[in-house]
Amino acid sequence: MTADPLPYPLRLTGTGIVLREWRPDDLDDLVGLLDEPEIARWTPMPSPFDADAGRAYLKRAQQGRANGSRIQLAITTDGGRPVGEVLLFAVNPELREAELGYLIGRPFRRRGLASGALSMLSGYACHTLRLRRLLLRIDPANVASTAVARRCGYWLTGEPPIHQEGPYGPTTLDTWEYVDGRSGTRQERLRNVAARRYGRRT
């Protein structure tokens, strides 16, 4: 795998779920999704999340997609109204890994949309982008999100918690991983990368 820009535009379709690019006319729906205490509690989103924050968010999303640094897609049931978001970013081409994230608006939870969207993007990342290891960073108190991670085949790595500042104060995030084929630990892949870089065999 090379450090080529991530594909844009992108549309992924599964059973009852369509992942599509964000559009300027999604602003009102985006604000409705993200201006919610539960979202602010678990993410570094600004709170309150108003129209100005929404326009800035959509602008950053468009820039990240256009320059190929991330995949950031609206979760929909039919290609229309967004009900959440799923994203892939921080790609490391040498280790063949990246980080993912997801959120669902309050009215649309408990319908399997988060696990469906995460499974779709995870599958695309492994089978099309040929990534080997996918990461999630989740506050352990966010039981709904950890349940989604488990349903999608992710498991805790045991790596040290990551500290994050949010609108409601500091939180700690556990690292979850999905390893395609579960072939080799991250430490083994790091050693192999170093060996290739310096011309040694492991």
C-alpha atoms as a PDB file:
ATOM      1  CA  MET A   1       0.000   0.000   0.000  1.00  0.00           C
ATOM      2  CA  THR A   2       1.208   3.521  -0.792  1.00  0.00           C
ATOM      3  CA  ALA A   3       0.432   6.902   0.710  1.00  0.00           C
ATOM      4  CA  ASP A   4      -1.912   7.757  -2.169  1.00  0.00           C
ATOM      5  CA  PRO A   5      -4.801  10.147  -1.375  1.00  0.00           C
ATOM      6  CA  LEU A   6      -7.936   8.446  -0.122  1.00  0.00           C
ATOM      7  CA  PRO A   7     -10.621   8.048  -2.833  1.00  0.00           C
ATOM      8  CA  TYR A   8     -13.065  10.885  -3.392  1.00  0.00           C
ATOM      9  CA  PRO A   9     -15.979  11.019  -3.968  1.00  0.00           C
ATOM     10  CA  LEU A  10     -17.179   7.802  -2.357  1.00  0.00           C
ATOM     11  CA  ARG A  11     -20.543   6.124  -1.872  1.00  0.00           C
ATOM     12  CA  LEU A  12     -20.953   2.789  -0.086  1.00  0.00           C
ATOM     13  CA  THR A  13     -24.237   0.877  -0.046  1.00  0.00           C
ATOM     14  CA  GLY A  14     -25.315  -1.968   2.200  1.00  0.00           C
ATOM     15  CA  THR A  15     -28.527  -3.433   3.600  1.00  0.00           C
ATOM     16  CA  GLY A  16     -30.587  -0.480   4.804  1.00  0.00           C
ATOM     17  CA  ILE A  17     -27.567   1.871   4.869  1.00  0.00           C
ATOM     18  CA  VAL A  18     -26.044   4.252   2.342  1.00  0.00           C
ATOM     19  CA  LEU A  19     -22.819   6.101   3.194  1.00  0.00           C
ATOM     20  CA  ARG A  20     -22.349   9.252   1.132  1.00  0.00           C
ATOM     21  CA  GLU A  21     -20.355  12.466   1.064  1.00  0.00           C
ATOM     22  CA  TRP A  22     -21.559  15.408   3.139  1.00  0.00           C
ATOM     23  CA  ARG A  23     -23.308  18.167   1.161  1.00  0.00           C
ATOM     24  CA  PRO A  24     -23.780  21.886   1.918  1.00  0.00           C
ATOM     25  CA  ASP A  25     -27.544  21.390   2.193  1.00  0.00           C
ATOM     26  CA  ASP A  26     -26.969  18.961   5.103  1.00  0.00           C
ATOM     27  CA  LEU A  27     -26.262  21.901   7.447  1.00  0.00           C
ATOM     28  CA  ASP A  28     -29.574  21.892   9.335  1.00  0.00           C
ATOM     29  CA  ASP A  29     -29.535  18.118   9.787  1.00  0.00           C
ATOM     30  CA  LEU A  30     -25.894  18.207  10.891  1.00  0.00           C
ATOM     31  CA  VAL A  31     -26.612  20.808  13.571  1.00  0.00           C
ATOM     32  CA  GLY A  32     -29.576  18.757  14.733  1.00  0.00           C
ATOM     33  CA  LEU A  33     -27.370  15.676  15.056  1.00  0.00           C
ATOM     34  CA  LEU A  34     -24.386  17.261  16.799  1.00  0.00           C
ATOM     35  CA  ASP A  35     -26.019  19.859  19.056  1.00  0.00           C
ATOM     36  CA  GLU A  36     -26.703  17.225  21.680  1.00  0.00           C
ATOM     37  CA  PRO A  37     -25.133  16.709  25.142  1.00  0.00           C
ATOM     38  CA  GLU A  38     -24.484  13.005  24.583  1.00  0.00           C
ATOM     39  CA  ILE A  39     -22.397  13.785  21.485  1.00  0.00           C
ATOM     40  CA  ALA A  40     -20.472  16.519  23.317  1.00  0.00           C
ATOM     41  CA  ARG A  41     -19.840  14.181  26.246  1.00  0.00           C
ATOM     42  CA  TRP A  42     -18.024  11.559  24.180  1.00  0.00           C
ATOM     43  CA  THR A  43     -16.396  13.659  21.442  1.00  0.00           C
ATOM     44  CA  PRO A  44     -14.394  16.915  21.226  1.00  0.00           C
ATOM     45  CA  MET A  45     -17.247  18.605  19.326  1.00  0.00           C
ATOM     46  CA  PRO A  46     -17.984  22.219  20.313  1.00  0.00           C
ATOM     47  CA  SER A  47     -21.024  22.629  22.544  1.00  0.00           C
ATOM     48  CA  PRO A  48     -23.433  24.153  21.822  1.00  0.00           C
ATOM     49  CA  PHE A  49     -23.092  23.127  18.190  1.00  0.00           C
ATOM     50  CA  ASP A  50     -24.735  25.914  16.174  1.00  0.00           C
ATOM     51  CA  ALA A  51     -24.976  26.853  12.493  1.00  0.00           C
ATOM     52  CA  ASP A  52     -21.541  28.520  12.495  1.00  0.00           C
ATOM     53  CA  ALA A  53     -19.992  25.389  13.984  1.00  0.00           C
ATOM     54  CA  GLY A  54     -21.844  23.330  11.389  1.00  0.00           C
ATOM     55  CA  ARG A  55     -20.554  25.393   8.473  1.00  0.00           C
ATOM     56  CA  ALA A  56     -16.994  25.136   9.811  1.00  0.00           C
ATOM     57  CA  TYR A  57     -17.421  21.387  10.259  1.00  0.00           C
ATOM     58  CA  LEU A  58     -18.689  20.877   6.707  1.00  0.00           C
ATOM     59  CA  LYS A  59     -15.850  23.021   5.352  1.00  0.00           C
ATOM     60  CA  ARG A  60     -13.233  20.922   7.177  1.00  0.00           C
ATOM     61  CA  ALA A  61     -14.913  17.746   5.989  1.00  0.00           C
ATOM     62  CA  GLN A  62     -14.862  18.944   2.386  1.00  0.00           C
ATOM     63  CA  GLN A  63     -11.195  19.947   2.641  1.00  0.00           C
ATOM     64  CA  GLY A  64     -10.215  16.617   4.160  1.00  0.00           C
ATOM     65  CA  ARG A  65     -12.045  14.724   1.431  1.00  0.00           C
ATOM     66  CA  ALA A  66     -10.721  16.864  -1.415  1.00  0.00           C
ATOM     67  CA  ASN A  67      -7.091  16.522  -0.307  1.00  0.00           C
ATOM     68  CA  GLY A  68      -7.481  12.793   0.313  1.00  0.00           C
ATOM     69  CA  SER A  69      -6.468  12.835   3.977  1.00  0.00           C
ATOM     70  CA  ARG A  70      -9.625  11.222   5.348  1.00  0.00           C
ATOM     71  CA  ILE A  71     -12.901   9.516   4.512  1.00  0.00           C
ATOM     72  CA  GLN A  72     -15.787  11.320   6.203  1.00  0.00           C
ATOM     73  CA  LEU A  73     -19.244  10.125   5.219  1.00  0.00           C
ATOM     74  CA  ALA A  74     -22.816  10.848   6.247  1.00  0.00           C
ATOM     75  CA  ILE A  75     -24.737   7.778   7.378  1.00  0.00           C
ATOM     76  CA  THR A  76     -28.150   7.580   5.716  1.00  0.00           C
ATOM     77  CA  THR A  77     -30.758   4.885   5.207  1.00  0.00           C
ATOM     78  CA  ASP A  78     -31.465   5.776   1.576  1.00  0.00           C
ATOM     79  CA  GLY A  79     -28.909   8.350   0.428  1.00  0.00           C
ATOM     80  CA  GLY A  80     -31.034  11.222   1.711  1.00  0.00           C
ATOM     81  CA  ARG A  81     -31.255  12.646   5.210  1.00  0.00           C
ATOM     82  CA  PRO A  82     -28.138  12.047   7.351  1.00  0.00           C
ATOM     83  CA  VAL A  83     -28.634  10.209  10.642  1.00  0.00           C
ATOM     84  CA  GLY A  84     -24.981  10.091  11.699  1.00  0.00           C
ATOM     85  CA  GLU A  85     -21.401   9.963  10.505  1.00  0.00           C
ATOM     86  CA  VAL A  86     -18.599   7.451  10.038  1.00  0.00           C
ATOM     87  CA  LEU A  87     -15.005   8.395   9.243  1.00  0.00           C
ATOM     88  CA  LEU A  88     -11.522   7.021   8.582  1.00  0.00           C
ATOM     89  CA  PHE A  89      -8.393   9.080   9.167  1.00  0.00           C
ATOM     90  CA  ALA A  90      -4.769   9.058  10.411  1.00  0.00           C
ATOM     91  CA  VAL A  91      -3.692   6.465   7.850  1.00  0.00           C
ATOM     92  CA  ASN A  92      -0.237   4.968   8.403  1.00  0.00           C
ATOM     93  CA  PRO A  93       0.691   3.343   5.062  1.00  0.00           C
ATOM     94  CA  GLU A  94       3.784   1.578   6.431  1.00  0.00           C
ATOM     95  CA  LEU A  95       1.881  -0.152   9.228  1.00  0.00           C
ATOM     96  CA  ARG A  96      -1.223  -0.390   7.017  1.00  0.00           C
ATOM     97  CA  GLU A  97      -3.432   0.981   9.769  1.00  0.00           C
ATOM     98  CA  ALA A  98      -5.887   3.840  10.312  1.00  0.00           C
ATOM     99  CA  GLU A  99      -8.308   5.186  12.899  1.00  0.00           C
ATOM    100  CA  LEU A 100     -12.083   5.133  12.535  1.00  0.00           C
ATOM    101  CA  GLY A 101     -14.909   6.910  14.331  1.00  0.00           C
ATOM    102  CA  TYR A 102     -18.701   6.981  14.241  1.00  0.00           C
ATOM    103  CA  LEU A 103     -21.713   8.689  15.769  1.00  0.00           C
ATOM    104  CA  ILE A 104     -25.491   8.419  15.443  1.00  0.00           C
ATOM    105  CA  GLY A 105     -28.036  11.141  16.254  1.00  0.00           C
ATOM    106  CA  ARG A 106     -30.262  10.507  19.252  1.00  0.00           C
ATOM    107  CA  PRO A 107     -33.524   9.874  17.318  1.00  0.00           C
ATOM    108  CA  PHE A 108     -31.879   7.173  15.204  1.00  0.00           C
ATOM    109  CA  ARG A 109     -30.097   5.059  17.808  1.00  0.00           C
ATOM    110  CA  ARG A 110     -30.774   1.408  18.672  1.00  0.00           C
ATOM    111  CA  ARG A 111     -31.464   0.515  15.029  1.00  0.00           C
ATOM    112  CA  GLY A 112     -28.128  -1.098  14.196  1.00  0.00           C
ATOM    113  CA  LEU A 113     -27.033   1.886  12.103  1.00  0.00           C
ATOM    114  CA  ALA A 114     -23.734   2.472  13.897  1.00  0.00           C
ATOM    115  CA  SER A 115     -22.632  -1.164  13.685  1.00  0.00           C
ATOM    116  CA  GLY A 116     -23.812  -1.390  10.079  1.00  0.00           C
ATOM    117  CA  ALA A 117     -21.924   1.739   9.035  1.00  0.00           C
ATOM    118  CA  LEU A 118     -18.771   0.766  10.950  1.00  0.00           C
ATOM    119  CA  SER A 119     -18.808  -2.720   9.431  1.00  0.00           C
ATOM    120  CA  MET A 120     -19.194  -1.281   5.931  1.00  0.00           C
ATOM    121  CA  LEU A 121     -16.335   1.192   6.251  1.00  0.00           C
ATOM    122  CA  SER A 122     -14.142  -1.371   8.032  1.00  0.00           C
ATOM    123  CA  GLY A 123     -14.712  -3.834   5.209  1.00  0.00           C
ATOM    124  CA  TYR A 124     -13.903  -1.191   2.612  1.00  0.00           C
ATOM    125  CA  ALA A 125     -10.745  -0.224   4.497  1.00  0.00           C
ATOM    126  CA  CYS A 126      -9.482  -3.810   4.640  1.00  0.00           C
ATOM    127  CA  HIS A 127     -10.579  -5.148   1.260  1.00  0.00           C
ATOM    128  CA  THR A 128     -10.245  -2.082  -0.978  1.00  0.00           C
ATOM    129  CA  LEU A 129      -7.669   0.112   0.761  1.00  0.00           C
ATOM    130  CA  ARG A 130      -5.775  -3.013   1.929  1.00  0.00           C
ATOM    131  CA  LEU A 131      -5.349  -1.750   5.476  1.00  0.00           C
ATOM    132  CA  ARG A 132      -4.489  -4.409   8.028  1.00  0.00           C
ATOM    133  CA  ARG A 133      -5.222  -2.820  11.413  1.00  0.00           C
ATOM    134  CA  LEU A 134      -8.120  -0.476  12.223  1.00  0.00           C
ATOM    135  CA  LEU A 135      -8.357   1.489  15.478  1.00  0.00           C
ATOM    136  CA  LEU A 136     -11.131   2.990  17.568  1.00  0.00           C
ATOM    137  CA  ARG A 137     -10.614   5.328  20.549  1.00  0.00           C
ATOM    138  CA  ILE A 138     -13.531   5.020  22.985  1.00  0.00           C
ATOM    139  CA  ASP A 139     -14.224   6.286  26.489  1.00  0.00           C
ATOM    140  CA  PRO A 140     -14.847   3.119  28.544  1.00  0.00           C
ATOM    141  CA  ALA A 141     -17.932   4.755  30.080  1.00  0.00           C
ATOM    142  CA  ASN A 142     -19.506   4.976  26.623  1.00  0.00           C
ATOM    143  CA  VAL A 143     -21.116   1.550  26.822  1.00  0.00           C
ATOM    144  CA  ALA A 144     -23.173   1.988  23.658  1.00  0.00           C
ATOM    145  CA  SER A 145     -20.076   2.700  21.583  1.00  0.00           C
ATOM    146  CA  THR A 146     -18.090  -0.155  23.113  1.00  0.00           C
ATOM    147  CA  ALA A 147     -20.991  -2.503  22.324  1.00  0.00           C
ATOM    148  CA  VAL A 148     -20.839  -1.390  18.667  1.00  0.00           C
ATOM    149  CA  ALA A 149     -17.078  -2.039  18.614  1.00  0.00           C
ATOM    150  CA  ARG A 150     -17.552  -5.575  19.953  1.00  0.00           C
ATOM    151  CA  ARG A 151     -20.346  -6.366  17.480  1.00  0.00           C
ATOM    152  CA  CYS A 152     -18.074  -5.315  14.623  1.00  0.00           C
ATOM    153  CA  GLY A 153     -15.191  -7.562  15.671  1.00  0.00           C
ATOM    154  CA  TYR A 154     -12.990  -4.999  17.448  1.00  0.00           C
ATOM    155  CA  TRP A 155     -11.333  -5.799  20.772  1.00  0.00           C
ATOM    156  CA  LEU A 156      -9.370  -3.944  23.446  1.00  0.00           C
ATOM    157  CA  THR A 157      -5.621  -3.698  22.876  1.00  0.00           C
ATOM    158  CA  GLY A 158      -4.494  -3.045  26.433  1.00  0.00           C
ATOM    159  CA  GLU A 159      -2.528   0.019  25.293  1.00  0.00           C
ATOM    160  CA  PRO A 160      -2.272   2.937  27.764  1.00  0.00           C
ATOM    161  CA  PRO A 161      -5.358   5.201  27.816  1.00  0.00           C
ATOM    162  CA  ILE A 162      -5.292   8.378  25.745  1.00  0.00           C
ATOM    163  CA  HIS A 163      -6.287  11.610  27.489  1.00  0.00           C
ATOM    164  CA  GLN A 164      -8.641  13.989  25.700  1.00  0.00           C
ATOM    165  CA  GLU A 165     -10.104  17.376  26.578  1.00  0.00           C
ATOM    166  CA  GLY A 166     -13.736  17.980  25.694  1.00  0.00           C
ATOM    167  CA  PRO A 167     -16.521  20.479  26.389  1.00  0.00           C
ATOM    168  CA  TYR A 168     -17.391  18.616  29.605  1.00  0.00           C
ATOM    169  CA  GLY A 169     -13.811  18.225  30.831  1.00  0.00           C
ATOM    170  CA  PRO A 170     -11.060  15.624  30.431  1.00  0.00           C
ATOM    171  CA  THR A 171     -11.763  12.029  29.446  1.00  0.00           C
ATOM    172  CA  THR A 172      -9.667   8.941  28.819  1.00  0.00           C
ATOM    173  CA  LEU A 173      -9.972   6.805  25.702  1.00  0.00           C
ATOM    174  CA  ASP A 174      -9.246   3.098  25.373  1.00  0.00           C
ATOM    175  CA  THR A 175      -7.841   1.769  22.099  1.00  0.00           C
ATOM    176  CA  TRP A 176      -9.772  -0.945  20.275  1.00  0.00           C
ATOM    177  CA  GLU A 177      -8.492  -2.705  17.180  1.00  0.00           C
ATOM    178  CA  TYR A 178      -9.626  -4.830  14.295  1.00  0.00           C
ATOM    179  CA  VAL A 179      -6.818  -6.771  12.641  1.00  0.00           C
ATOM    180  CA  ASP A 180      -7.704  -8.202   9.250  1.00  0.00           C
ATOM    181  CA  GLY A 181      -6.967 -11.908   9.443  1.00  0.00           C
ATOM    182  CA  ARG A 182      -5.413 -11.357  12.892  1.00  0.00           C
ATOM    183  CA  SER A 183      -2.019 -12.132  11.345  1.00  0.00           C
ATOM    184  CA  GLY A 184       0.743 -10.666  13.479  1.00  0.00           C
ATOM    185  CA  THR A 185       0.700  -8.293  16.411  1.00  0.00           C
ATOM    186  CA  ARG A 186       1.296  -4.567  16.079  1.00  0.00           C
ATOM    187  CA  GLN A 187       4.727  -5.033  17.701  1.00  0.00           C
ATOM    188  CA  GLU A 188       5.658  -7.591  15.042  1.00  0.00           C
ATOM    189  CA  ARG A 189       4.548  -5.245  12.262  1.00  0.00           C
ATOM    190  CA  LEU A 190       6.572  -2.402  13.788  1.00  0.00           C
ATOM    191  CA  ARG A 191       9.659  -4.623  13.846  1.00  0.00           C
ATOM    192  CA  ASN A 192       9.078  -5.629  10.234  1.00  0.00           C
ATOM    193  CA  VAL A 193       8.744  -1.991   9.157  1.00  0.00           C
ATOM    194  CA  ALA A 194      12.016  -1.148  10.927  1.00  0.00           C
ATOM    195  CA  ALA A 195      13.714  -4.137   9.336  1.00  0.00           C
ATOM    196  CA  ARG A 196      12.632  -3.099   5.836  1.00  0.00           C
ATOM    197  CA  ARG A 197      13.690   0.479   6.474  1.00  0.00           C
ATOM    198  CA  TYR A 198      17.168  -0.463   7.679  1.00  0.00           C
ATOM    199  CA  GLY A 199      17.696  -3.507   5.493  1.00  0.00           C
ATOM    200  CA  ARG A 200      17.533  -6.128   8.252  1.00  0.00           C
ATOM    201  CA  ARG A 201      15.572  -9.335   8.515  1.00  0.00           C
ATOM    202  CA  THR A 202      13.477 -10.241  11.542  1.00  0.00           C
END
